[in-house]
Amino acid sequence: MIDMTALSGWQNFYVIVGSSAGALIGLQFVVITLIANRPIGAGQGASAGAYATPTVVHFGTVLLLSAIGCAPWPTLTAAEVLWGLLGLGGVIYEVIVVRRMRTQSLYKAVFEDWLFHALLPLAAYVALAVSAEEVRAYSRDALFGIAAAALLLLFIGIHNAWDAVTYHIFSGPKREAE
């Protein structure tokens, strides 16, 4: 049984990171609503599944990680299991995202897209799964690994949301047709 004092110093971190993720999820929906009046072209659904949906998933994962980190668990065991499941689920989800990126035909991914939509999120989810596995043996270091994964997913989401907005404003499907 792992003592909960290991998580006691993380409350402020998870409140800040979790509230940021929650606000950014809301902002993502506002942006999607604002561009919703554009004509929907062929392949845009597949492209959204490869680029827009994962951003919301990453923000949601950060929000969930923050809720887990702030919950008054009697021991870290339940949190450890949930962190591990989130990490494993994220790895599986990233395999799906890569498949979607490869099969969508609306946009040709460049290195930056592969880095921020595939490689870095995969690294964050792997770090989360490995850190969850190591909580029992190295709780202090593992908690830093979980926090790093949360922060990395938050920054990935910020980058990807900004990238999507600038794409739609400056070179989106509507502009390409002109």
N, C-alpha and C. Protein backbone atom coordinates (compact mmCIF):
# COMPACT_ATOMS: atom_id res chain seq x y z
N MET A 1 0.84 -1.17 0.00
CA MET A 1 0.00 0.00 0.00
C MET A 1 0.90 1.25 0.00
N ILE A 2 0.61 2.19 -0.90
CA ILE A 2 1.42 3.39 -1.06
C ILE A 2 0.72 4.55 -0.34
N ASP A 3 1.46 5.27 0.46
CA ASP A 3 0.94 6.40 1.21
C ASP A 3 0.58 7.56 0.28
N MET A 4 -0.53 8.22 0.57
CA MET A 4 -1.00 9.32 -0.26
C MET A 4 -0.21 10.62 -0.06
N THR A 5 0.67 10.68 0.90
CA THR A 5 1.44 11.91 1.08
C THR A 5 2.31 12.20 -0.14
N ALA A 6 2.59 11.19 -0.94
CA ALA A 6 3.38 11.39 -2.15
C ALA A 6 2.68 12.35 -3.12
N LEU A 7 1.35 12.36 -3.11
CA LEU A 7 0.60 13.23 -4.01
C LEU A 7 0.25 14.58 -3.40
N SER A 8 0.46 14.75 -2.13
CA SER A 8 0.00 15.97 -1.46
C SER A 8 0.62 17.25 -2.02
N GLY A 9 1.82 17.21 -2.49
CA GLY A 9 2.46 18.39 -3.04
C GLY A 9 2.08 18.71 -4.47
N TRP A 10 1.25 17.87 -5.09
CA TRP A 10 0.90 18.03 -6.50
C TRP A 10 -0.43 18.73 -6.72
N GLN A 11 -1.16 19.07 -5.67
CA GLN A 11 -2.50 19.65 -5.83
C GLN A 11 -2.50 20.90 -6.71
N ASN A 12 -1.63 21.86 -6.42
CA ASN A 12 -1.61 23.10 -7.20
C ASN A 12 -1.26 22.84 -8.67
N PHE A 13 -0.31 21.96 -8.90
CA PHE A 13 0.07 21.62 -10.28
C PHE A 13 -1.13 21.11 -11.05
N TYR A 14 -1.86 20.15 -10.46
CA TYR A 14 -2.98 19.56 -11.18
C TYR A 14 -4.17 20.51 -11.29
N VAL A 15 -4.34 21.40 -10.34
CA VAL A 15 -5.41 22.40 -10.46
C VAL A 15 -5.10 23.34 -11.63
N ILE A 16 -3.85 23.78 -11.74
CA ILE A 16 -3.47 24.68 -12.83
C ILE A 16 -3.55 23.98 -14.17
N VAL A 17 -2.95 22.80 -14.27
CA VAL A 17 -2.91 22.08 -15.55
C VAL A 17 -4.32 21.62 -15.95
N GLY A 18 -5.08 21.12 -14.99
CA GLY A 18 -6.43 20.64 -15.30
C GLY A 18 -7.36 21.76 -15.71
N SER A 19 -7.30 22.89 -15.03
CA SER A 19 -8.18 24.01 -15.42
C SER A 19 -7.77 24.56 -16.78
N SER A 20 -6.48 24.56 -17.07
CA SER A 20 -6.02 24.99 -18.39
C SER A 20 -6.56 24.06 -19.48
N ALA A 21 -6.48 22.76 -19.24
CA ALA A 21 -6.99 21.79 -20.22
C ALA A 21 -8.49 21.96 -20.41
N GLY A 22 -9.22 22.15 -19.32
CA GLY A 22 -10.67 22.34 -19.43
C GLY A 22 -11.02 23.58 -20.23
N ALA A 23 -10.32 24.68 -19.96
CA ALA A 23 -10.56 25.91 -20.71
C ALA A 23 -10.23 25.74 -22.19
N LEU A 24 -9.15 25.04 -22.47
CA LEU A 24 -8.74 24.84 -23.86
C LEU A 24 -9.69 23.91 -24.61
N ILE A 25 -10.30 22.96 -23.92
CA ILE A 25 -11.33 22.13 -24.56
C ILE A 25 -12.48 23.03 -24.99
N GLY A 26 -12.91 23.92 -24.10
CA GLY A 26 -13.99 24.85 -24.44
C GLY A 26 -13.62 25.73 -25.61
N LEU A 27 -12.40 26.25 -25.61
CA LEU A 27 -11.93 27.10 -26.69
C LEU A 27 -11.90 26.33 -28.01
N GLN A 28 -11.49 25.07 -27.95
CA GLN A 28 -11.45 24.24 -29.16
C GLN A 28 -12.85 24.11 -29.76
N PHE A 29 -13.85 23.93 -28.91
CA PHE A 29 -15.23 23.83 -29.41
C PHE A 29 -15.71 25.16 -29.99
N VAL A 30 -15.29 26.27 -29.41
CA VAL A 30 -15.64 27.58 -29.95
C VAL A 30 -15.06 27.74 -31.35
N VAL A 31 -13.79 27.39 -31.51
CA VAL A 31 -13.14 27.51 -32.82
C VAL A 31 -13.84 26.61 -33.84
N ILE A 32 -14.13 25.39 -33.46
CA ILE A 32 -14.81 24.47 -34.38
C ILE A 32 -16.17 25.03 -34.77
N THR A 33 -16.87 25.63 -33.83
CA THR A 33 -18.17 26.23 -34.12
C THR A 33 -18.02 27.40 -35.09
N LEU A 34 -17.00 28.22 -34.91
CA LEU A 34 -16.80 29.38 -35.78
C LEU A 34 -16.47 28.99 -37.21
N ILE A 35 -15.78 27.87 -37.40
CA ILE A 35 -15.45 27.46 -38.77
C ILE A 35 -16.47 26.48 -39.34
N ALA A 36 -17.50 26.17 -38.57
CA ALA A 36 -18.48 25.18 -39.00
C ALA A 36 -19.30 25.63 -40.20
N ASN A 37 -19.37 26.94 -40.46
CA ASN A 37 -20.18 27.40 -41.58
C ASN A 37 -19.47 27.24 -42.92
N ARG A 38 -18.24 26.80 -42.91
CA ARG A 38 -17.53 26.56 -44.16
C ARG A 38 -18.11 25.32 -44.85
N PRO A 39 -18.10 25.31 -46.16
CA PRO A 39 -18.57 24.11 -46.87
C PRO A 39 -17.71 22.90 -46.52
N ILE A 40 -18.35 21.77 -46.32
CA ILE A 40 -17.63 20.55 -45.98
C ILE A 40 -17.25 19.85 -47.27
N GLY A 41 -15.96 19.67 -47.46
CA GLY A 41 -15.46 19.02 -48.65
C GLY A 41 -15.23 17.53 -48.42
N ALA A 42 -14.98 16.85 -49.50
CA ALA A 42 -14.70 15.42 -49.42
C ALA A 42 -13.44 15.19 -48.60
N GLY A 43 -13.51 14.24 -47.70
CA GLY A 43 -12.36 13.86 -46.90
C GLY A 43 -12.16 14.67 -45.63
N GLN A 44 -13.00 15.67 -45.38
CA GLN A 44 -12.80 16.50 -44.19
C GLN A 44 -13.10 15.74 -42.90
N GLY A 45 -14.02 14.79 -42.94
CA GLY A 45 -14.31 13.99 -41.75
C GLY A 45 -13.11 13.15 -41.35
N ALA A 46 -12.47 12.54 -42.33
CA ALA A 46 -11.28 11.73 -42.05
C ALA A 46 -10.14 12.60 -41.55
N SER A 47 -10.02 13.79 -42.11
CA SER A 47 -8.98 14.71 -41.68
C SER A 47 -9.23 15.19 -40.25
N ALA A 48 -10.48 15.46 -39.90
CA ALA A 48 -10.82 15.87 -38.53
C ALA A 48 -10.48 14.76 -37.54
N GLY A 49 -10.73 13.51 -37.93
CA GLY A 49 -10.41 12.38 -37.08
C GLY A 49 -8.91 12.20 -36.87
N ALA A 50 -8.13 12.70 -37.81
CA ALA A 50 -6.68 12.59 -37.70
C ALA A 50 -6.06 13.78 -36.99
N TYR A 51 -6.68 14.95 -37.09
CA TYR A 51 -6.03 16.16 -36.58
C TYR A 51 -6.81 16.89 -35.49
N ALA A 52 -8.12 17.05 -35.62
CA ALA A 52 -8.88 17.83 -34.64
C ALA A 52 -9.27 17.00 -33.41
N THR A 53 -9.82 15.84 -33.63
CA THR A 53 -10.28 15.00 -32.52
C THR A 53 -9.16 14.64 -31.55
N PRO A 54 -7.96 14.28 -32.02
CA PRO A 54 -6.90 13.96 -31.06
C PRO A 54 -6.54 15.13 -30.14
N THR A 55 -6.66 16.34 -30.62
CA THR A 55 -6.37 17.49 -29.77
C THR A 55 -7.32 17.54 -28.58
N VAL A 56 -8.60 17.32 -28.84
CA VAL A 56 -9.58 17.30 -27.76
C VAL A 56 -9.33 16.10 -26.84
N VAL A 57 -8.93 14.98 -27.40
CA VAL A 57 -8.61 13.80 -26.59
C VAL A 57 -7.42 14.09 -25.68
N HIS A 58 -6.39 14.75 -26.19
CA HIS A 58 -5.22 15.06 -25.36
C HIS A 58 -5.61 16.01 -24.22
N PHE A 59 -6.40 17.05 -24.54
CA PHE A 59 -6.86 17.96 -23.49
C PHE A 59 -7.72 17.21 -22.47
N GLY A 60 -8.58 16.32 -22.95
CA GLY A 60 -9.41 15.53 -22.04
C GLY A 60 -8.59 14.61 -21.16
N THR A 61 -7.54 14.05 -21.72
CA THR A 61 -6.64 13.19 -20.94
C THR A 61 -5.97 14.00 -19.83
N VAL A 62 -5.52 15.20 -20.15
CA VAL A 62 -4.89 16.06 -19.14
C VAL A 62 -5.89 16.41 -18.05
N LEU A 63 -7.11 16.71 -18.44
CA LEU A 63 -8.15 17.02 -17.46
C LEU A 63 -8.41 15.82 -16.55
N LEU A 64 -8.48 14.63 -17.13
CA LEU A 64 -8.69 13.41 -16.34
C LEU A 64 -7.49 13.11 -15.44
N LEU A 65 -6.28 13.28 -15.96
CA LEU A 65 -5.08 13.09 -15.14
C LEU A 65 -5.09 14.05 -13.95
N SER A 66 -5.54 15.26 -14.18
CA SER A 66 -5.62 16.24 -13.09
C SER A 66 -6.66 15.86 -12.06
N ALA A 67 -7.79 15.35 -12.52
CA ALA A 67 -8.82 14.91 -11.58
C ALA A 67 -8.31 13.73 -10.75
N ILE A 68 -7.62 12.82 -11.39
CA ILE A 68 -7.04 11.68 -10.67
C ILE A 68 -6.01 12.16 -9.65
N GLY A 69 -5.19 13.13 -10.06
CA GLY A 69 -4.16 13.65 -9.18
C GLY A 69 -4.69 14.44 -7.99
N CYS A 70 -5.90 14.97 -8.12
CA CYS A 70 -6.49 15.77 -7.04
C CYS A 70 -7.48 14.98 -6.18
N ALA A 71 -7.88 13.81 -6.62
CA ALA A 71 -8.88 13.04 -5.88
C ALA A 71 -8.31 12.56 -4.53
N PRO A 72 -9.14 12.49 -3.52
CA PRO A 72 -8.66 12.07 -2.19
C PRO A 72 -8.61 10.54 -2.05
N TRP A 73 -7.73 9.91 -2.80
CA TRP A 73 -7.60 8.46 -2.76
C TRP A 73 -7.08 8.03 -1.38
N PRO A 74 -7.54 6.89 -0.86
CA PRO A 74 -6.99 6.39 0.39
C PRO A 74 -5.55 5.89 0.21
N THR A 75 -5.26 5.35 -0.98
CA THR A 75 -3.90 4.94 -1.36
C THR A 75 -3.71 5.29 -2.83
N LEU A 76 -2.50 5.19 -3.30
CA LEU A 76 -2.22 5.48 -4.71
C LEU A 76 -2.58 4.33 -5.65
N THR A 77 -3.01 3.22 -5.13
CA THR A 77 -3.25 2.03 -5.97
C THR A 77 -4.28 2.30 -7.06
N ALA A 78 -5.42 2.88 -6.70
CA ALA A 78 -6.46 3.16 -7.71
C ALA A 78 -5.95 4.17 -8.74
N ALA A 79 -5.26 5.21 -8.26
CA ALA A 79 -4.72 6.21 -9.17
C ALA A 79 -3.69 5.58 -10.11
N GLU A 80 -2.87 4.71 -9.55
CA GLU A 80 -1.84 4.02 -10.34
C GLU A 80 -2.49 3.20 -11.47
N VAL A 81 -3.54 2.50 -11.16
CA VAL A 81 -4.25 1.70 -12.17
C VAL A 81 -4.84 2.60 -13.24
N LEU A 82 -5.49 3.68 -12.82
CA LEU A 82 -6.10 4.61 -13.78
C LEU A 82 -5.04 5.27 -14.66
N TRP A 83 -3.92 5.69 -14.07
CA TRP A 83 -2.84 6.27 -14.87
C TRP A 83 -2.33 5.27 -15.90
N GLY A 84 -2.16 4.03 -15.48
CA GLY A 84 -1.70 2.99 -16.40
C GLY A 84 -2.67 2.74 -17.53
N LEU A 85 -3.97 2.70 -17.20
CA LEU A 85 -4.98 2.50 -18.23
C LEU A 85 -5.03 3.67 -19.21
N LEU A 86 -4.90 4.88 -18.69
CA LEU A 86 -4.86 6.05 -19.57
C LEU A 86 -3.64 6.00 -20.49
N GLY A 87 -2.49 5.61 -19.94
CA GLY A 87 -1.29 5.51 -20.76
C GLY A 87 -1.44 4.46 -21.85
N LEU A 88 -1.91 3.29 -21.47
CA LEU A 88 -2.11 2.21 -22.44
C LEU A 88 -3.17 2.59 -23.48
N GLY A 89 -4.27 3.17 -23.01
CA GLY A 89 -5.32 3.62 -23.93
C GLY A 89 -4.80 4.67 -24.89
N GLY A 90 -3.96 5.57 -24.38
CA GLY A 90 -3.38 6.60 -25.23
C GLY A 90 -2.46 6.03 -26.30
N VAL A 91 -1.68 5.01 -25.94
CA VAL A 91 -0.81 4.36 -26.93
C VAL A 91 -1.65 3.73 -28.03
N ILE A 92 -2.70 3.03 -27.64
CA ILE A 92 -3.60 2.41 -28.64
C ILE A 92 -4.25 3.48 -29.50
N TYR A 93 -4.70 4.56 -28.86
CA TYR A 93 -5.33 5.66 -29.61
C TYR A 93 -4.35 6.28 -30.60
N GLU A 94 -3.10 6.44 -30.21
CA GLU A 94 -2.11 7.02 -31.12
C GLU A 94 -1.87 6.14 -32.34
N VAL A 95 -1.96 4.82 -32.18
CA VAL A 95 -1.86 3.92 -33.34
C VAL A 95 -3.02 4.21 -34.30
N ILE A 96 -4.20 4.43 -33.75
CA ILE A 96 -5.37 4.77 -34.57
C ILE A 96 -5.16 6.12 -35.27
N VAL A 97 -4.63 7.10 -34.54
CA VAL A 97 -4.38 8.43 -35.11
C VAL A 97 -3.40 8.33 -36.27
N VAL A 98 -2.34 7.57 -36.10
CA VAL A 98 -1.35 7.42 -37.18
C VAL A 98 -2.01 6.79 -38.40
N ARG A 99 -2.84 5.78 -38.18
CA ARG A 99 -3.55 5.16 -39.30
C ARG A 99 -4.46 6.19 -40.00
N ARG A 100 -5.14 7.01 -39.22
CA ARG A 100 -6.00 8.05 -39.80
C ARG A 100 -5.18 9.08 -40.58
N MET A 101 -4.03 9.46 -40.03
CA MET A 101 -3.17 10.42 -40.72
C MET A 101 -2.71 9.86 -42.06
N ARG A 102 -2.42 8.59 -42.10
CA ARG A 102 -1.93 7.96 -43.33
C ARG A 102 -3.03 7.77 -44.37
N THR A 103 -4.27 7.57 -43.92
CA THR A 103 -5.34 7.26 -44.87
C THR A 103 -6.15 8.47 -45.31
N GLN A 104 -6.14 9.56 -44.56
CA GLN A 104 -6.91 10.74 -44.99
C GLN A 104 -6.22 11.35 -46.20
N SER A 105 -6.99 11.98 -47.07
CA SER A 105 -6.41 12.48 -48.31
C SER A 105 -6.51 14.00 -48.48
N LEU A 106 -7.07 14.68 -47.50
CA LEU A 106 -7.27 16.12 -47.62
C LEU A 106 -5.98 16.91 -47.45
N TYR A 107 -5.09 16.40 -46.62
CA TYR A 107 -3.90 17.16 -46.25
C TYR A 107 -2.71 16.22 -46.20
N LYS A 108 -1.59 16.63 -46.79
CA LYS A 108 -0.37 15.82 -46.75
C LYS A 108 0.45 16.25 -45.54
N ALA A 109 0.62 15.33 -44.60
CA ALA A 109 1.35 15.64 -43.37
C ALA A 109 2.82 15.88 -43.65
N VAL A 110 3.38 16.87 -42.95
CA VAL A 110 4.80 17.17 -43.02
C VAL A 110 5.43 16.73 -41.70
N PHE A 111 6.74 16.90 -41.58
CA PHE A 111 7.45 16.43 -40.39
C PHE A 111 6.84 16.97 -39.10
N GLU A 112 6.55 18.26 -39.05
CA GLU A 112 5.97 18.86 -37.85
C GLU A 112 4.66 18.19 -37.45
N ASP A 113 3.85 17.83 -38.44
CA ASP A 113 2.59 17.14 -38.16
C ASP A 113 2.85 15.77 -37.54
N TRP A 114 3.78 15.02 -38.11
CA TRP A 114 4.13 13.71 -37.55
C TRP A 114 4.68 13.84 -36.15
N LEU A 115 5.47 14.89 -35.92
CA LEU A 115 6.06 15.11 -34.60
C LEU A 115 4.98 15.41 -33.56
N PHE A 116 4.09 16.36 -33.86
CA PHE A 116 3.12 16.82 -32.87
C PHE A 116 1.82 16.03 -32.83
N HIS A 117 1.52 15.26 -33.87
CA HIS A 117 0.29 14.48 -33.87
C HIS A 117 0.54 12.99 -33.65
N ALA A 118 1.79 12.56 -33.79
CA ALA A 118 2.07 11.13 -33.63
C ALA A 118 3.20 10.86 -32.63
N LEU A 119 4.39 11.36 -32.89
CA LEU A 119 5.55 10.99 -32.08
C LEU A 119 5.50 11.53 -30.65
N LEU A 120 5.28 12.83 -30.48
CA LEU A 120 5.25 13.39 -29.12
C LEU A 120 4.08 12.87 -28.30
N PRO A 121 2.86 12.79 -28.86
CA PRO A 121 1.78 12.20 -28.06
C PRO A 121 2.06 10.75 -27.68
N LEU A 122 2.61 9.99 -28.61
CA LEU A 122 2.96 8.60 -28.30
C LEU A 122 3.97 8.55 -27.16
N ALA A 123 4.98 9.42 -27.22
CA ALA A 123 5.98 9.48 -26.15
C ALA A 123 5.33 9.84 -24.81
N ALA A 124 4.39 10.76 -24.83
CA ALA A 124 3.71 11.16 -23.59
C ALA A 124 2.91 10.00 -23.01
N TYR A 125 2.18 9.29 -23.86
CA TYR A 125 1.36 8.17 -23.37
C TYR A 125 2.23 7.01 -22.90
N VAL A 126 3.34 6.76 -23.58
CA VAL A 126 4.27 5.72 -23.13
C VAL A 126 4.87 6.12 -21.78
N ALA A 127 5.28 7.38 -21.65
CA ALA A 127 5.82 7.87 -20.37
C ALA A 127 4.79 7.73 -19.26
N LEU A 128 3.54 8.00 -19.57
CA LEU A 128 2.47 7.86 -18.58
C LEU A 128 2.32 6.41 -18.16
N ALA A 129 2.28 5.49 -19.11
CA ALA A 129 2.13 4.07 -18.79
C ALA A 129 3.33 3.55 -17.99
N VAL A 130 4.54 3.91 -18.41
CA VAL A 130 5.74 3.46 -17.70
C VAL A 130 5.80 4.06 -16.30
N SER A 131 5.48 5.33 -16.18
CA SER A 131 5.49 5.99 -14.86
C SER A 131 4.48 5.36 -13.93
N ALA A 132 3.30 5.03 -14.45
CA ALA A 132 2.28 4.38 -13.63
C ALA A 132 2.77 3.04 -13.12
N GLU A 133 3.49 2.33 -13.96
CA GLU A 133 4.05 1.04 -13.57
C GLU A 133 5.11 1.19 -12.48
N GLU A 134 5.79 2.32 -12.47
CA GLU A 134 6.90 2.53 -11.53
C GLU A 134 6.50 3.25 -10.23
N VAL A 135 5.22 3.58 -10.07
CA VAL A 135 4.78 4.32 -8.88
C VAL A 135 5.14 3.59 -7.59
N ARG A 136 4.96 2.28 -7.56
CA ARG A 136 5.24 1.53 -6.33
C ARG A 136 6.72 1.56 -5.94
N ALA A 137 7.59 1.43 -6.90
CA ALA A 137 9.02 1.34 -6.61
C ALA A 137 9.68 2.72 -6.48
N TYR A 138 9.26 3.65 -7.32
CA TYR A 138 9.90 4.97 -7.37
C TYR A 138 8.83 6.06 -7.40
N SER A 139 8.06 6.17 -6.33
CA SER A 139 6.88 7.04 -6.37
C SER A 139 7.22 8.49 -6.71
N ARG A 140 8.26 9.05 -6.13
CA ARG A 140 8.59 10.45 -6.40
C ARG A 140 8.92 10.67 -7.87
N ASP A 141 9.81 9.86 -8.42
CA ASP A 141 10.19 10.00 -9.83
C ASP A 141 9.02 9.69 -10.75
N ALA A 142 8.23 8.68 -10.41
CA ALA A 142 7.09 8.31 -11.24
C ALA A 142 6.06 9.42 -11.29
N LEU A 143 5.83 10.09 -10.17
CA LEU A 143 4.88 11.20 -10.16
C LEU A 143 5.36 12.35 -11.02
N PHE A 144 6.67 12.57 -11.06
CA PHE A 144 7.21 13.57 -11.98
C PHE A 144 7.02 13.12 -13.44
N GLY A 145 7.15 11.83 -13.70
CA GLY A 145 6.91 11.32 -15.05
C GLY A 145 5.47 11.50 -15.48
N ILE A 146 4.54 11.26 -14.58
CA ILE A 146 3.11 11.44 -14.88
C ILE A 146 2.83 12.92 -15.12
N ALA A 147 3.40 13.78 -14.29
CA ALA A 147 3.21 15.23 -14.47
C ALA A 147 3.81 15.69 -15.79
N ALA A 148 4.98 15.17 -16.14
CA ALA A 148 5.61 15.54 -17.41
C ALA A 148 4.75 15.11 -18.59
N ALA A 149 4.16 13.92 -18.51
CA ALA A 149 3.27 13.46 -19.57
C ALA A 149 2.06 14.38 -19.71
N ALA A 150 1.49 14.78 -18.57
CA ALA A 150 0.33 15.68 -18.60
C ALA A 150 0.71 17.01 -19.22
N LEU A 151 1.84 17.56 -18.81
CA LEU A 151 2.28 18.84 -19.34
C LEU A 151 2.61 18.75 -20.82
N LEU A 152 3.25 17.66 -21.23
CA LEU A 152 3.57 17.47 -22.64
C LEU A 152 2.28 17.40 -23.47
N LEU A 153 1.29 16.64 -23.00
CA LEU A 153 0.01 16.57 -23.73
C LEU A 153 -0.68 17.92 -23.79
N LEU A 154 -0.57 18.71 -22.73
CA LEU A 154 -1.16 20.05 -22.73
C LEU A 154 -0.49 20.92 -23.78
N PHE A 155 0.85 20.93 -23.82
CA PHE A 155 1.56 21.74 -24.81
C PHE A 155 1.35 21.24 -26.23
N ILE A 156 1.26 19.93 -26.41
CA ILE A 156 0.95 19.38 -27.73
C ILE A 156 -0.42 19.86 -28.18
N GLY A 157 -1.38 19.81 -27.28
CA GLY A 157 -2.72 20.28 -27.60
C GLY A 157 -2.75 21.75 -27.97
N ILE A 158 -2.01 22.57 -27.22
CA ILE A 158 -1.94 24.00 -27.54
C ILE A 158 -1.34 24.20 -28.92
N HIS A 159 -0.23 23.51 -29.20
CA HIS A 159 0.40 23.62 -30.52
C HIS A 159 -0.57 23.20 -31.62
N ASN A 160 -1.20 22.05 -31.44
CA ASN A 160 -2.07 21.51 -32.49
C ASN A 160 -3.31 22.37 -32.69
N ALA A 161 -3.86 22.93 -31.61
CA ALA A 161 -5.02 23.81 -31.75
C ALA A 161 -4.63 25.07 -32.52
N TRP A 162 -3.48 25.65 -32.16
CA TRP A 162 -3.01 26.83 -32.86
C TRP A 162 -2.73 26.52 -34.33
N ASP A 163 -2.12 25.39 -34.59
CA ASP A 163 -1.82 24.96 -35.95
C ASP A 163 -3.10 24.82 -36.76
N ALA A 164 -4.13 24.22 -36.16
CA ALA A 164 -5.41 24.04 -36.86
C ALA A 164 -6.06 25.38 -37.16
N VAL A 165 -6.03 26.29 -36.20
CA VAL A 165 -6.64 27.60 -36.41
C VAL A 165 -5.93 28.34 -37.54
N THR A 166 -4.61 28.37 -37.51
CA THR A 166 -3.88 29.07 -38.56
C THR A 166 -4.07 28.40 -39.92
N TYR A 167 -4.19 27.09 -39.93
CA TYR A 167 -4.45 26.38 -41.19
C TYR A 167 -5.79 26.83 -41.77
N HIS A 168 -6.81 26.86 -40.94
CA HIS A 168 -8.15 27.23 -41.43
C HIS A 168 -8.24 28.70 -41.81
N ILE A 169 -7.49 29.55 -41.13
CA ILE A 169 -7.53 30.98 -41.45
C ILE A 169 -6.74 31.29 -42.71
N PHE A 170 -5.53 30.76 -42.81
CA PHE A 170 -4.63 31.17 -43.89
C PHE A 170 -4.58 30.25 -45.09
N SER A 171 -4.80 28.97 -44.92
CA SER A 171 -4.64 28.09 -46.07
C SER A 171 -5.62 26.92 -46.06
N GLY A 172 -6.75 27.11 -45.43
CA GLY A 172 -7.73 26.03 -45.35
C GLY A 172 -8.35 25.70 -46.68
N PRO A 173 -9.23 24.73 -46.68
CA PRO A 173 -9.87 24.28 -47.91
C PRO A 173 -10.54 25.41 -48.70
N LYS A 174 -11.13 26.38 -47.99
CA LYS A 174 -11.80 27.49 -48.67
C LYS A 174 -10.78 28.33 -49.45
N ARG A 175 -9.62 28.61 -48.84
CA ARG A 175 -8.58 29.41 -49.49
C ARG A 175 -7.93 28.64 -50.63
N GLU A 176 -7.76 27.34 -50.46
CA GLU A 176 -7.13 26.53 -51.51
C GLU A 176 -7.98 26.49 -52.75
N ALA A 177 -9.31 26.59 -52.60
CA ALA A 177 -10.22 26.55 -53.74
C ALA A 177 -10.16 27.85 -54.53
N GLU A 178 -9.73 28.96 -53.88
CA GLU A 178 -9.74 30.27 -54.54
C GLU A 178 -8.67 30.43 -55.57
